[in-house]
PDB file of N, CA and C in Angstrom:
ATOM      1  N   UNK A   1       0.740  -1.266   0.259  1.00  0.00           N
ATOM      2  CA  UNK A   1      -0.031   0.343  -0.064  1.00  0.00           C
ATOM      3  C   UNK A   1       0.957   1.218  -0.108  1.00  0.00           C
ATOM      4  N   UNK A   2       0.605   1.951  -1.004  1.00  0.00           N
ATOM      5  CA  UNK A   2       1.421   3.366  -0.431  1.00  0.00           C
ATOM      6  C   UNK A   2       1.293   4.225   0.376  1.00  0.00           C
ATOM      7  N   UNK A   3       2.023   4.905   0.787  1.00  0.00           N
ATOM      8  CA  UNK A   3       1.798   6.183   1.789  1.00  0.00           C
ATOM      9  C   UNK A   3       0.610   6.849   2.073  1.00  0.00           C
ATOM     10  N   UNK A   4       0.479   7.284   0.449  1.00  0.00           N
ATOM     11  CA  UNK A   4      -0.729   8.550   0.738  1.00  0.00           C
ATOM     12  C   UNK A   4      -2.120   7.673   0.825  1.00  0.00           C
ATOM     13  N   UNK A   5      -2.416   6.204   0.173  1.00  0.00           N
ATOM     14  CA  UNK A   5      -3.399   5.763   0.648  1.00  0.00           C
ATOM     15  C   UNK A   5      -3.308   5.551   1.979  1.00  0.00           C
ATOM     16  N   UNK A   6      -2.219   4.762   2.620  1.00  0.00           N
ATOM     17  CA  UNK A   6      -1.866   4.924   4.051  1.00  0.00           C
ATOM     18  C   UNK A   6      -2.949   5.413   4.962  1.00  0.00           C
ATOM     19  N   UNK A   7      -2.677   6.653   4.828  1.00  0.00           N
ATOM     20  CA  UNK A   7      -2.603   7.757   5.215  1.00  0.00           C
ATOM     21  C   UNK A   7      -4.315   8.319   5.421  1.00  0.00           C
ATOM     22  N   UNK A   8      -4.836   8.018   3.800  1.00  0.00           N
ATOM     23  CA  UNK A   8      -6.097   8.106   3.690  1.00  0.00           C
ATOM     24  C   UNK A   8      -6.993   7.607   4.158  1.00  0.00           C
ATOM     25  N   UNK A   9      -6.555   6.026   4.229  1.00  0.00           N
ATOM     26  CA  UNK A   9      -7.574   4.986   4.802  1.00  0.00           C
ATOM     27  C   UNK A   9      -7.299   5.284   6.889  1.00  0.00           C
ATOM     28  N   UNK A  10      -6.091   5.918   7.319  1.00  0.00           N
ATOM     29  CA  UNK A  10      -6.211   5.762   8.669  1.00  0.00           C
ATOM     30  C   UNK A  10      -6.894   7.052   9.275  1.00  0.00           C
ATOM     31  N   UNK A  11      -6.761   8.403   8.311  1.00  0.00           N
ATOM     32  CA  UNK A  11      -7.474   9.236   8.624  1.00  0.00           C
ATOM     33  C   UNK A  11      -9.273   9.065   8.653  1.00  0.00           C
ATOM     34  N   UNK A  12      -9.419   8.167   7.578  1.00  0.00           N
ATOM     35  CA  UNK A  12     -10.880   7.751   7.387  1.00  0.00           C
ATOM     36  C   UNK A  12     -11.670   7.288   8.384  1.00  0.00           C
ATOM     37  N   UNK A  13     -10.313   6.158   9.193  1.00  0.00           N
ATOM     38  CA  UNK A  13     -10.933   5.113  10.473  1.00  0.00           C
ATOM     39  C   UNK A  13     -11.230   6.288  11.387  1.00  0.00           C
ATOM     40  N   UNK A  14      -9.605   6.798  11.823  1.00  0.00           N
ATOM     41  CA  UNK A  14     -10.132   7.804  12.688  1.00  0.00           C
ATOM     42  C   UNK A  14     -11.459   8.455  12.864  1.00  0.00           C
ATOM     43  N   UNK A  15     -11.445   9.300  11.742  1.00  0.00           N
ATOM     44  CA  UNK A  15     -12.943  10.551  11.588  1.00  0.00           C
ATOM     45  C   UNK A  15     -14.083   9.688  12.210  1.00  0.00           C
ATOM     46  N   UNK A  16     -14.283   8.118  11.516  1.00  0.00           N
ATOM     47  CA  UNK A  16     -15.354   7.658  11.820  1.00  0.00           C
ATOM     48  C   UNK A  16     -15.375   6.845  13.126  1.00  0.00           C
ATOM     49  N   UNK A  17     -14.304   7.403  13.638  1.00  0.00           N
ATOM     50  CA  UNK A  17     -14.607   7.023  15.206  1.00  0.00           C
ATOM     51  C   UNK A  17     -13.880   5.713  16.032  1.00  0.00           C
ATOM     52  N   UNK A  18     -12.959   5.454  14.862  1.00  0.00           N
ATOM     53  CA  UNK A  18     -12.475   3.812  14.842  1.00  0.00           C
ATOM     54  C   UNK A  18     -11.516   3.762  15.956  1.00  0.00           C
ATOM     55  N   UNK A  19     -10.703   4.864  16.162  1.00  0.00           N
ATOM     56  CA  UNK A  19      -9.919   5.169  17.330  1.00  0.00           C
ATOM     57  C   UNK A  19     -10.642   5.931  18.493  1.00  0.00           C
ATOM     58  N   UNK A  20     -10.657   5.651  19.604  1.00  0.00           N
ATOM     59  CA  UNK A  20     -11.370   5.870  20.229  1.00  0.00           C
ATOM     60  C   UNK A  20     -10.288   7.139  21.044  1.00  0.00           C
ATOM     61  N   UNK A  21     -10.718   8.697  21.132  1.00  0.00           N
ATOM     62  CA  UNK A  21     -10.334   9.501  21.438  1.00  0.00           C
ATOM     63  C   UNK A  21     -10.177  10.190  22.816  1.00  0.00           C
ATOM     64  N   UNK A  22     -11.425   9.851  23.230  1.00  0.00           N
ATOM     65  CA  UNK A  22     -12.000   9.768  24.642  1.00  0.00           C
ATOM     66  C   UNK A  22     -11.320   9.002  25.384  1.00  0.00           C
ATOM     67  N   UNK A  23     -10.537   9.317  26.503  1.00  0.00           N
ATOM     68  CA  UNK A  23      -9.988   8.484  28.068  1.00  0.00           C
ATOM     69  C   UNK A  23     -11.128   7.551  28.249  1.00  0.00           C
ATOM     70  N   UNK A  24     -10.977   6.606  29.059  1.00  0.00           N
ATOM     71  CA  UNK A  24     -12.132   6.349  30.034  1.00  0.00           C
ATOM     72  C   UNK A  24     -11.989   6.854  31.261  1.00  0.00           C
ATOM     73  N   UNK A  25     -13.025   7.212  31.925  1.00  0.00           N
ATOM     74  CA  UNK A  25     -12.846   7.962  33.044  1.00  0.00           C
ATOM     75  C   UNK A  25     -12.079   7.257  34.216  1.00  0.00           C
ATOM     76  N   UNK A  26     -11.491   8.905  34.891  1.00  0.00           N
ATOM     77  CA  UNK A  26     -10.068   7.952  35.773  1.00  0.00           C
ATOM     78  C   UNK A  26     -10.512   8.748  37.067  1.00  0.00           C
ATOM     79  N   UNK A  27     -10.349   7.854  37.883  1.00  0.00           N
ATOM     80  CA  UNK A  27     -10.603   8.396  39.428  1.00  0.00           C
ATOM     81  C   UNK A  27      -9.628   9.229  39.932  1.00  0.00           C
ATOM     82  N   UNK A  28      -8.462   9.083  39.441  1.00  0.00           N
ATOM     83  CA  UNK A  28      -7.047   9.508  39.990  1.00  0.00           C
ATOM     84  C   UNK A  28      -7.474  11.253  39.235  1.00  0.00           C
ATOM     85  N   UNK A  29      -7.759  10.912  38.128  1.00  0.00           N
ATOM     86  CA  UNK A  29      -7.544  12.775  37.271  1.00  0.00           C
ATOM     87  C   UNK A  29      -8.929  13.461  38.121  1.00  0.00           C
ATOM     88  N   UNK A  30     -10.198  12.075  38.349  1.00  0.00           N
ATOM     89  CA  UNK A  30     -11.012  13.257  38.966  1.00  0.00           C
ATOM     90  C   UNK A  30     -10.956  13.964  40.155  1.00  0.00           C
ATOM     91  N   UNK A  31     -10.111  13.215  40.937  1.00  0.00           N
ATOM     92  CA  UNK A  31      -9.760  13.733  42.461  1.00  0.00           C
ATOM     93  C   UNK A  31      -9.197  15.128  41.425  1.00  0.00           C
ATOM     94  N   UNK A  32      -7.979  14.692  41.344  1.00  0.00           N
ATOM     95  CA  UNK A  32      -7.648  16.036  40.841  1.00  0.00           C
ATOM     96  C   UNK A  32      -8.248  17.682  40.208  1.00  0.00           C
ATOM     97  N   UNK A  33      -9.059  16.841  39.569  1.00  0.00           N
ATOM     98  CA  UNK A  33     -10.015  18.249  39.389  1.00  0.00           C
ATOM     99  C   UNK A  33     -11.344  18.457  39.882  1.00  0.00           C
ATOM    100  N   UNK A  34     -11.473  18.091  41.396  1.00  0.00           N
ATOM    101  CA  UNK A  34     -12.369  18.223  41.944  1.00  0.00           C
ATOM    102  C   UNK A  34     -11.314  19.173  42.783  1.00  0.00           C
ATOM    103  N   UNK A  35     -10.139  19.064  43.088  1.00  0.00           N
ATOM    104  CA  UNK A  35      -9.511  19.722  44.138  1.00  0.00           C
ATOM    105  C   UNK A  35      -9.259  20.966  43.394  1.00  0.00           C
ATOM    106  N   UNK A  36      -8.880  20.924  42.463  1.00  0.00           N
ATOM    107  CA  UNK A  36      -8.349  21.953  41.237  1.00  0.00           C
ATOM    108  C   UNK A  36      -9.282  22.903  40.796  1.00  0.00           C
ATOM    109  N   UNK A  37     -10.945  22.348  40.750  1.00  0.00           N
ATOM    110  CA  UNK A  37     -11.737  23.383  40.806  1.00  0.00           C
ATOM    111  C   UNK A  37     -12.467  23.828  41.964  1.00  0.00           C
ATOM    112  N   UNK A  38     -12.428  23.605  43.270  1.00  0.00           N
ATOM    113  CA  UNK A  38     -12.622  23.884  44.384  1.00  0.00           C
ATOM    114  C   UNK A  38     -13.862  22.804  44.811  1.00  0.00           C
ATOM    115  N   UNK A  39     -14.443  21.868  44.627  1.00  0.00           N
ATOM    116  CA  UNK A  39     -15.472  21.256  44.781  1.00  0.00           C
ATOM    117  C   UNK A  39     -15.153  20.959  46.429  1.00  0.00           C
ATOM    118  N   UNK A  40     -13.457  20.305  46.766  1.00  0.00           N
ATOM    119  CA  UNK A  40     -13.432  19.854  47.955  1.00  0.00           C
ATOM    120  C   UNK A  40     -13.733  21.302  49.024  1.00  0.00           C
ATOM    121  N   UNK A  41     -13.705  22.670  48.698  1.00  0.00           N
ATOM    122  CA  UNK A  41     -13.967  23.860  49.557  1.00  0.00           C
ATOM    123  C   UNK A  41     -15.135  23.657  50.048  1.00  0.00           C
ATOM    124  N   UNK A  42     -16.216  23.251  49.431  1.00  0.00           N
ATOM    125  CA  UNK A  42     -17.978  22.743  50.445  1.00  0.00           C
ATOM    126  C   UNK A  42     -18.040  21.481  50.315  1.00  0.00           C
ATOM    127  N   UNK A  43     -17.754  20.505  49.741  1.00  0.00           N
ATOM    128  CA  UNK A  43     -17.833  19.421  49.755  1.00  0.00           C
ATOM    129  C   UNK A  43     -16.805  18.496  50.512  1.00  0.00           C
ATOM    130  N   UNK A  44     -15.884  18.738  50.927  1.00  0.00           N
ATOM    131  CA  UNK A  44     -14.775  17.960  51.887  1.00  0.00           C
ATOM    132  C   UNK A  44     -13.976  17.565  50.385  1.00  0.00           C
ATOM    133  N   UNK A  45     -12.716  16.929  50.887  1.00  0.00           N
ATOM    134  CA  UNK A  45     -11.600  16.620  49.699  1.00  0.00           C
ATOM    135  C   UNK A  45     -11.998  15.294  49.459  1.00  0.00           C
ATOM    136  N   UNK A  46     -12.871  14.316  50.443  1.00  0.00           N
ATOM    137  CA  UNK A  46     -13.247  13.131  50.190  1.00  0.00           C
ATOM    138  C   UNK A  46     -14.658  13.199  50.106  1.00  0.00           C
ATOM    139  N   UNK A  47     -15.259  14.157  49.459  1.00  0.00           N
ATOM    140  CA  UNK A  47     -16.743  14.116  48.930  1.00  0.00           C
ATOM    141  C   UNK A  47     -17.853  13.907  49.910  1.00  0.00           C
ATOM    142  N   UNK A  48     -17.575  13.877  51.456  1.00  0.00           N
ATOM    143  CA  UNK A  48     -18.462  13.609  52.608  1.00  0.00           C
ATOM    144  C   UNK A  48     -19.146  14.689  53.009  1.00  0.00           C
ATOM    145  N   UNK A  49     -19.015  15.678  52.110  1.00  0.00           N
ATOM    146  CA  UNK A  49     -19.306  16.936  52.758  1.00  0.00           C
ATOM    147  C   UNK A  49     -18.996  17.575  54.375  1.00  0.00           C
ATOM    148  N   UNK A  50     -19.433  19.023  54.471  1.00  0.00           N
ATOM    149  CA  UNK A  50     -18.808  19.861  55.920  1.00  0.00           C
ATOM    150  C   UNK A  50     -20.331  20.803  56.155  1.00  0.00           C
ATOM    151  N   UNK A  51     -19.716  21.892  56.707  1.00  0.00           N
ATOM    152  CA  UNK A  51     -21.412  22.668  56.437  1.00  0.00           C
ATOM    153  C   UNK A  51     -21.554  23.493  55.717  1.00  0.00           C
ATOM    154  N   UNK A  52     -20.316  23.486  54.657  1.00  0.00           N
ATOM    155  CA  UNK A  52     -20.877  24.520  53.357  1.00  0.00           C
ATOM    156  C   UNK A  52     -21.996  23.797  52.073  1.00  0.00           C
ATOM    157  N   UNK A  53     -21.527  22.336  51.839  1.00  0.00           N
ATOM    158  CA  UNK A  53     -22.019  21.193  51.064  1.00  0.00           C
ATOM    159  C   UNK A  53     -21.961  20.020  51.665  1.00  0.00           C
ATOM    160  N   UNK A  54     -23.234  19.721  50.525  1.00  0.00           N
ATOM    161  CA  UNK A  54     -24.171  18.569  51.418  1.00  0.00           C
ATOM    162  C   UNK A  54     -22.691  17.214  50.863  1.00  0.00           C
ATOM    163  N   UNK A  55     -23.082  15.900  51.215  1.00  0.00           N
ATOM    164  CA  UNK A  55     -22.335  14.800  51.338  1.00  0.00           C
ATOM    165  C   UNK A  55     -22.517  14.555  49.390  1.00  0.00           C
ATOM    166  N   UNK A  56     -21.524  14.240  49.073  1.00  0.00           N
ATOM    167  CA  UNK A  56     -21.764  13.299  47.690  1.00  0.00           C
ATOM    168  C   UNK A  56     -21.122  12.234  47.707  1.00  0.00           C
ATOM    169  N   UNK A  57     -20.625  11.617  48.789  1.00  0.00           N
ATOM    170  CA  UNK A  57     -20.212  10.240  48.682  1.00  0.00           C
ATOM    171  C   UNK A  57     -20.656   9.679  50.180  1.00  0.00           C
ATOM    172  N   UNK A  58     -20.674   8.539  50.681  1.00  0.00           N
ATOM    173  CA  UNK A  58     -20.700   7.690  49.742  1.00  0.00           C
ATOM    174  C   UNK A  58     -22.461   7.512  49.154  1.00  0.00           C
ATOM    175  N   UNK A  59     -22.356   6.500  48.085  1.00  0.00           N
ATOM    176  CA  UNK A  59     -23.154   6.495  47.026  1.00  0.00           C
ATOM    177  C   UNK A  59     -23.713   7.822  46.437  1.00  0.00           C
ATOM    178  N   UNK A  60     -22.883   8.319  45.830  1.00  0.00           N
ATOM    179  CA  UNK A  60     -22.814   9.517  44.827  1.00  0.00           C
ATOM    180  C   UNK A  60     -24.170   9.118  44.133  1.00  0.00           C
ATOM    181  N   UNK A  61     -24.714  10.288  43.714  1.00  0.00           N
ATOM    182  CA  UNK A  61     -25.966  10.348  42.322  1.00  0.00           C
ATOM    183  C   UNK A  61     -25.553  10.156  41.167  1.00  0.00           C
ATOM    184  N   UNK A  62     -26.232   9.560  40.400  1.00  0.00           N
ATOM    185  CA  UNK A  62     -26.256   8.950  38.859  1.00  0.00           C
ATOM    186  C   UNK A  62     -25.612  10.255  37.910  1.00  0.00           C
ATOM    187  N   UNK A  63     -24.683   9.372  37.458  1.00  0.00           N
ATOM    188  CA  UNK A  63     -23.676  10.785  36.484  1.00  0.00           C
ATOM    189  C   UNK A  63     -24.474  11.642  36.072  1.00  0.00           C
ATOM    190  N   UNK A  64     -25.739  11.205  35.490  1.00  0.00           N
ATOM    191  CA  UNK A  64     -26.384  12.083  34.679  1.00  0.00           C
ATOM    192  C   UNK A  64     -27.085  13.093  35.615  1.00  0.00           C
ATOM    193  N   UNK A  65     -27.537  12.952  36.687  1.00  0.00           N
ATOM    194  CA  UNK A  65     -27.760  14.411  38.196  1.00  0.00           C
ATOM    195  C   UNK A  65     -26.333  15.224  38.522  1.00  0.00           C
ATOM    196  N   UNK A  66     -25.295  14.380  38.271  1.00  0.00           N
ATOM    197  CA  UNK A  66     -24.115  14.841  38.468  1.00  0.00           C
ATOM    198  C   UNK A  66     -23.501  16.309  37.681  1.00  0.00           C
ATOM    199  N   UNK A  67     -23.988  15.668  36.566  1.00  0.00           N
ATOM    200  CA  UNK A  67     -23.325  16.003  35.332  1.00  0.00           C
ATOM    201  C   UNK A  67     -24.493  17.186  35.652  1.00  0.00           C
ATOM    202  N   UNK A  68     -25.969  17.254  35.546  1.00  0.00           N
ATOM    203  CA  UNK A  68     -26.488  18.471  35.047  1.00  0.00           C
ATOM    204  C   UNK A  68     -26.501  19.218  36.171  1.00  0.00           C
ATOM    205  N   UNK A  69     -25.866  18.986  37.638  1.00  0.00           N
ATOM    206  CA  UNK A  69     -25.781  19.473  38.823  1.00  0.00           C
ATOM    207  C   UNK A  69     -24.978  20.958  38.924  1.00  0.00           C
ATOM    208  N   UNK A  70     -23.919  19.633  38.263  1.00  0.00           N
ATOM    209  CA  UNK A  70     -22.209  21.169  38.020  1.00  0.00           C
ATOM    210  C   UNK A  70     -22.545  21.873  36.870  1.00  0.00           C
ATOM    211  N   UNK A  71     -23.225  21.485  35.785  1.00  0.00           N
ATOM    212  CA  UNK A  71     -23.694  22.572  34.703  1.00  0.00           C
ATOM    213  C   UNK A  71     -24.983  24.114  34.966  1.00  0.00           C
ATOM    214  N   UNK A  72     -25.539  23.059  35.872  1.00  0.00           N
ATOM    215  CA  UNK A  72     -27.299  24.158  36.067  1.00  0.00           C
ATOM    216  C   UNK A  72     -27.287  24.112  37.467  1.00  0.00           C
ATOM    217  N   UNK A  73     -26.374  24.573  38.481  1.00  0.00           N
ATOM    218  CA  UNK A  73     -26.729  24.366  39.808  1.00  0.00           C
ATOM    219  C   UNK A  73     -27.926  24.775  40.415  1.00  0.00           C
ATOM    220  N   UNK A  74     -29.059  24.977  40.518  1.00  0.00           N
ATOM    221  CA  UNK A  74     -29.923  25.913  40.678  1.00  0.00           C
ATOM    222  C   UNK A  74     -29.786  26.593  42.471  1.00  0.00           C
ATOM    223  N   UNK A  75     -28.502  26.486  43.062  1.00  0.00           N
ATOM    224  CA  UNK A  75     -28.503  26.480  44.397  1.00  0.00           C
ATOM    225  C   UNK A  75     -27.219  27.473  44.535  1.00  0.00           C
ATOM    226  N   UNK A  76     -26.695  27.832  45.653  1.00  0.00           N
ATOM    227  CA  UNK A  76     -25.443  28.354  45.792  1.00  0.00           C
ATOM    228  C   UNK A  76     -24.396  28.078  44.943  1.00  0.00           C
ATOM    229  N   UNK A  77     -24.045  26.839  44.724  1.00  0.00           N
ATOM    230  CA  UNK A  77     -22.709  26.018  44.341  1.00  0.00           C
ATOM    231  C   UNK A  77     -23.098  26.759  42.533  1.00  0.00           C
ATOM    232  N   UNK A  78     -21.754  27.668  42.442  1.00  0.00           N
ATOM    233  CA  UNK A  78     -21.823  28.110  40.977  1.00  0.00           C
ATOM    234  C   UNK A  78     -21.581  26.750  39.786  1.00  0.00           C
ATOM    235  N   UNK A  79     -22.080  27.690  38.626  1.00  0.00           N
ATOM    236  CA  UNK A  79     -22.448  26.627  37.373  1.00  0.00           C
ATOM    237  C   UNK A  79     -20.880  26.822  36.909  1.00  0.00           C
ATOM    238  N   UNK A  80     -20.560  25.494  36.286  1.00  0.00           N
ATOM    239  CA  UNK A  80     -19.666  25.101  35.842  1.00  0.00           C
ATOM    240  C   UNK A  80     -19.527  24.719  34.353  1.00  0.00           C
ATOM    241  N   UNK A  81     -19.441  25.533  33.041  1.00  0.00           N
ATOM    242  CA  UNK A  81     -19.487  25.499  31.775  1.00  0.00           C
ATOM    243  C   UNK A  81     -18.448  24.693  31.433  1.00  0.00           C
ATOM    244  N   UNK A  82     -18.713  24.072  30.323  1.00  0.00           N
ATOM    245  CA  UNK A  82     -17.908  23.233  29.491  1.00  0.00           C
ATOM    246  C   UNK A  82     -16.342  24.063  29.323  1.00  0.00           C
ATOM    247  N   UNK A  83     -16.295  25.316  29.413  1.00  0.00           N
ATOM    248  CA  UNK A  83     -15.031  26.054  28.988  1.00  0.00           C
ATOM    249  C   UNK A  83     -14.367  25.796  30.419  1.00  0.00           C
ATOM    250  N   UNK A  84     -14.653  25.674  31.649  1.00  0.00           N
ATOM    251  CA  UNK A  84     -14.465  25.643  33.179  1.00  0.00           C
ATOM    252  C   UNK A  84     -14.002  23.899  33.577  1.00  0.00           C
ATOM    253  N   UNK A  85     -14.976  22.938  33.176  1.00  0.00           N
ATOM    254  CA  UNK A  85     -15.066  21.671  33.720  1.00  0.00           C
ATOM    255  C   UNK A  85     -15.299  21.287  32.436  1.00  0.00           C
ATOM    256  N   UNK A  86     -14.914  20.353  31.371  1.00  0.00           N
ATOM    257  CA  UNK A  86     -15.334  19.577  30.437  1.00  0.00           C
ATOM    258  C   UNK A  86     -16.037  18.046  30.873  1.00  0.00           C
ATOM    259  N   UNK A  87     -16.784  17.733  29.789  1.00  0.00           N
ATOM    260  CA  UNK A  87     -17.383  16.635  29.706  1.00  0.00           C
ATOM    261  C   UNK A  87     -16.857  15.314  30.165  1.00  0.00           C
ATOM    262  N   UNK A  88     -15.811  15.801  30.081  1.00  0.00           N
ATOM    263  CA  UNK A  88     -14.788  14.414  30.653  1.00  0.00           C
ATOM    264  C   UNK A  88     -14.194  14.627  31.908  1.00  0.00           C
ATOM    265  N   UNK A  89     -13.954  15.806  32.238  1.00  0.00           N
ATOM    266  CA  UNK A  89     -13.659  15.903  33.666  1.00  0.00           C
ATOM    267  C   UNK A  89     -14.712  15.666  34.725  1.00  0.00           C
ATOM    268  N   UNK A  90     -15.695  16.076  33.874  1.00  0.00           N
ATOM    269  CA  UNK A  90     -16.982  15.398  34.938  1.00  0.00           C
ATOM    270  C   UNK A  90     -16.971  14.210  35.191  1.00  0.00           C
ATOM    271  N   UNK A  91     -16.983  13.523  33.961  1.00  0.00           N
ATOM    272  CA  UNK A  91     -16.995  11.663  34.047  1.00  0.00           C
ATOM    273  C   UNK A  91     -15.668  11.440  35.075  1.00  0.00           C
ATOM    274  N   UNK A  92     -14.707  12.030  35.019  1.00  0.00           N
ATOM    275  CA  UNK A  92     -13.600  11.770  35.848  1.00  0.00           C
ATOM    276  C   UNK A  92     -14.230  11.844  37.485  1.00  0.00           C
ATOM    277  N   UNK A  93     -15.000  12.893  37.797  1.00  0.00           N
ATOM    278  CA  UNK A  93     -15.217  13.574  39.162  1.00  0.00           C
ATOM    279  C   UNK A  93     -16.183  12.436  39.320  1.00  0.00           C
ATOM    280  N   UNK A  94     -16.539  11.933  38.168  1.00  0.00           N
ATOM    281  CA  UNK A  94     -18.135  10.696  39.024  1.00  0.00           C
ATOM    282  C   UNK A  94     -17.176   9.506  39.482  1.00  0.00           C
ATOM    283  N   UNK A  95     -16.112   9.280  38.804  1.00  0.00           N
ATOM    284  CA  UNK A  95     -15.497   8.062  38.826  1.00  0.00           C
ATOM    285  C   UNK A  95     -14.680   8.174  40.401  1.00  0.00           C
ATOM    286  N   UNK A  96     -14.415   9.475  40.455  1.00  0.00           N
ATOM    287  CA  UNK A  96     -13.521   9.729  41.808  1.00  0.00           C
ATOM    288  C   UNK A  96     -14.471   9.577  42.732  1.00  0.00           C
ATOM    289  N   UNK A  97     -16.326   9.746  42.655  1.00  0.00           N
ATOM    290  CA  UNK A  97     -16.801   9.789  43.541  1.00  0.00           C
ATOM    291  C   UNK A  97     -16.974   8.606  43.715  1.00  0.00           C
ATOM    292  N   UNK A  98     -17.025   8.218  42.836  1.00  0.00           N
ATOM    293  CA  UNK A  98     -17.349   6.548  43.182  1.00  0.00           C
ATOM    294  C   UNK A  98     -16.235   5.478  43.505  1.00  0.00           C
ATOM    295  N   UNK A  99     -15.301   5.859  43.144  1.00  0.00           N
ATOM    296  CA  UNK A  99     -14.255   5.332  44.387  1.00  0.00           C
ATOM    297  C   UNK A  99     -13.970   5.784  45.612  1.00  0.00           C
ATOM    298  N   UNK A 100     -14.584   6.689  46.086  1.00  0.00           N
ATOM    299  CA  UNK A 100     -14.463   7.259  47.717  1.00  0.00           C
ATOM    300  C   UNK A 100     -15.174   5.617  48.074  1.00  0.00           C
ATOM    301  N   UNK A 101     -14.483   5.154  49.318  1.00  0.00           N
ATOM    302  CA  UNK A 101     -15.006   4.242  50.174  1.00  0.00           C
ATOM    303  C   UNK A 101     -15.856   5.061  51.196  1.00  0.00           C
ATOM    304  N   UNK A 102     -17.251   3.619  51.864  1.00  0.00           N
ATOM    305  CA  UNK A 102     -18.419   4.313  52.744  1.00  0.00           C
ATOM    306  C   UNK A 102     -17.243   4.117  54.257  1.00  0.00           C
ATOM    307  N   UNK A 103     -17.719   4.916  54.885  1.00  0.00           N
ATOM    308  CA  UNK A 103     -16.993   5.028  56.381  1.00  0.00           C
ATOM    309  C   UNK A 103     -16.897   3.872  56.918  1.00  0.00           C
ATOM    310  N   UNK A 104     -15.914   3.602  57.868  1.00  0.00           N
ATOM    311  CA  UNK A 104     -16.220   2.382  58.756  1.00  0.00           C
ATOM    312  C   UNK A 104     -17.616   2.230  59.534  1.00  0.00           C
ATOM    313  N   UNK A 105     -17.596   1.102  60.120  1.00  0.00           N
ATOM    314  CA  UNK A 105     -18.579   0.843  61.209  1.00  0.00           C
ATOM    315  C   UNK A 105     -18.015   1.476  62.425  1.00  0.00           C
ATOM    316  N   UNK A 106     -19.013   1.994  63.177  1.00  0.00           N
ATOM    317  CA  UNK A 106     -18.325   2.527  64.413  1.00  0.00           C
ATOM    318  C   UNK A 106     -17.994   1.730  65.254  1.00  0.00           C
ATOM    319  N   UNK A 107     -18.697   0.377  65.168  1.00  0.00           N
ATOM    320  CA  UNK A 107     -18.305  -0.900  66.176  1.00  0.00           C
ATOM    321  C   UNK A 107     -16.867  -1.414  65.756  1.00  0.00           C
ATOM    322  N   UNK A 108     -16.584  -1.133  64.419  1.00  0.00           N
ATOM    323  CA  UNK A 108     -15.238  -1.723  63.614  1.00  0.00           C
ATOM    324  C   UNK A 108     -14.042  -0.678  64.536  1.00  0.00           C
ATOM    325  N   UNK A 109     -14.348   0.529  65.324  1.00  0.00           N
ATOM    326  CA  UNK A 109     -13.174   1.312  65.623  1.00  0.00           C
ATOM    327  C   UNK A 109     -13.488   1.228  66.982  1.00  0.00           C
ATOM    328  N   UNK A 110     -11.885   0.648  67.828  1.00  0.00           N
ATOM    329  CA  UNK A 110     -12.045   0.363  68.927  1.00  0.00           C
ATOM    330  C   UNK A 110     -12.334   1.333  70.314  1.00  0.00           C
ATOM    331  N   UNK A 111     -11.945   2.341  70.087  1.00  0.00           N
ATOM    332  CA  UNK A 111     -12.133   3.330  70.997  1.00  0.00           C
ATOM    333  C   UNK A 111     -13.562   3.916  71.015  1.00  0.00           C
ATOM    334  N   UNK A 112     -14.626   3.929  69.806  1.00  0.00           N
ATOM    335  CA  UNK A 112     -16.029   3.877  70.056  1.00  0.00           C
ATOM    336  C   UNK A 112     -16.481   3.044  70.647  1.00  0.00           C
ATOM    337  N   UNK A 113     -16.051   1.594  70.146  1.00  0.00           N
ATOM    338  CA  UNK A 113     -17.054   0.735  70.771  1.00  0.00           C
ATOM    339  C   UNK A 113     -16.543  -0.080  72.247  1.00  0.00           C
ATOM    340  N   UNK A 114     -15.172   1.122  72.943  1.00  0.00           N
ATOM    341  CA  UNK A 114     -15.019   0.612  74.344  1.00  0.00           C
ATOM    342  C   UNK A 114     -16.099   2.113  74.684  1.00  0.00           C
ATOM    343  N   UNK A 115     -16.154   3.292  74.301  1.00  0.00           N
ATOM    344  CA  UNK A 115     -17.060   4.461  74.608  1.00  0.00           C
ATOM    345  C   UNK A 115     -18.436   3.648  74.556  1.00  0.00           C
ATOM    346  N   UNK A 116     -18.669   2.587  73.435  1.00  0.00           N
ATOM    347  CA  UNK A 116     -20.242   2.633  74.070  1.00  0.00           C
ATOM    348  C   UNK A 116     -20.201   1.441  74.920  1.00  0.00           C
ATOM    349  N   UNK A 117     -19.533   0.611  75.069  1.00  0.00           N
ATOM    350  CA  UNK A 117     -19.864  -0.092  76.201  1.00  0.00           C
ATOM    351  C   UNK A 117     -19.657   0.278  77.483  1.00  0.00           C
ATOM    352  N   UNK A 118     -18.925   1.445  77.545  1.00  0.00           N
ATOM    353  CA  UNK A 118     -18.620   1.903  79.357  1.00  0.00           C
ATOM    354  C   UNK A 118     -19.821   3.024  79.906  1.00  0.00           C
ATOM    355  N   UNK A 119     -21.038   2.898  78.374  1.00  0.00           N
ATOM    356  CA  UNK A 119     -21.808   3.832  78.775  1.00  0.00           C
ATOM    357  C   UNK A 119     -23.248   2.954  79.369  1.00  0.00           C
TER     358      UNK A 119
END
């Protein structure tokens, strides 16, 4: 195959979506984006919430609901347009939130178990 034909075939393949241009969502990238755009300030670094923002973990909302809320927040949270947080970055944030484990059961923590037993 001559080189011109090869590049035409390759270009057609790429333009037709034969090579995935989007990366799989990444919890690691999502955590970095979560911190970079300031989500942690209201939702805590682990998404478990604080006085300023609601808990996002464990058991986060469905990805579509999270994306919609990020784009069109009706409350105190600022809206984040595509120019600030891309759809791929939202998918990464969702992957991060889904990766955060639930907190341990109180009875699995010795000091709490002992405190409860002493009451």
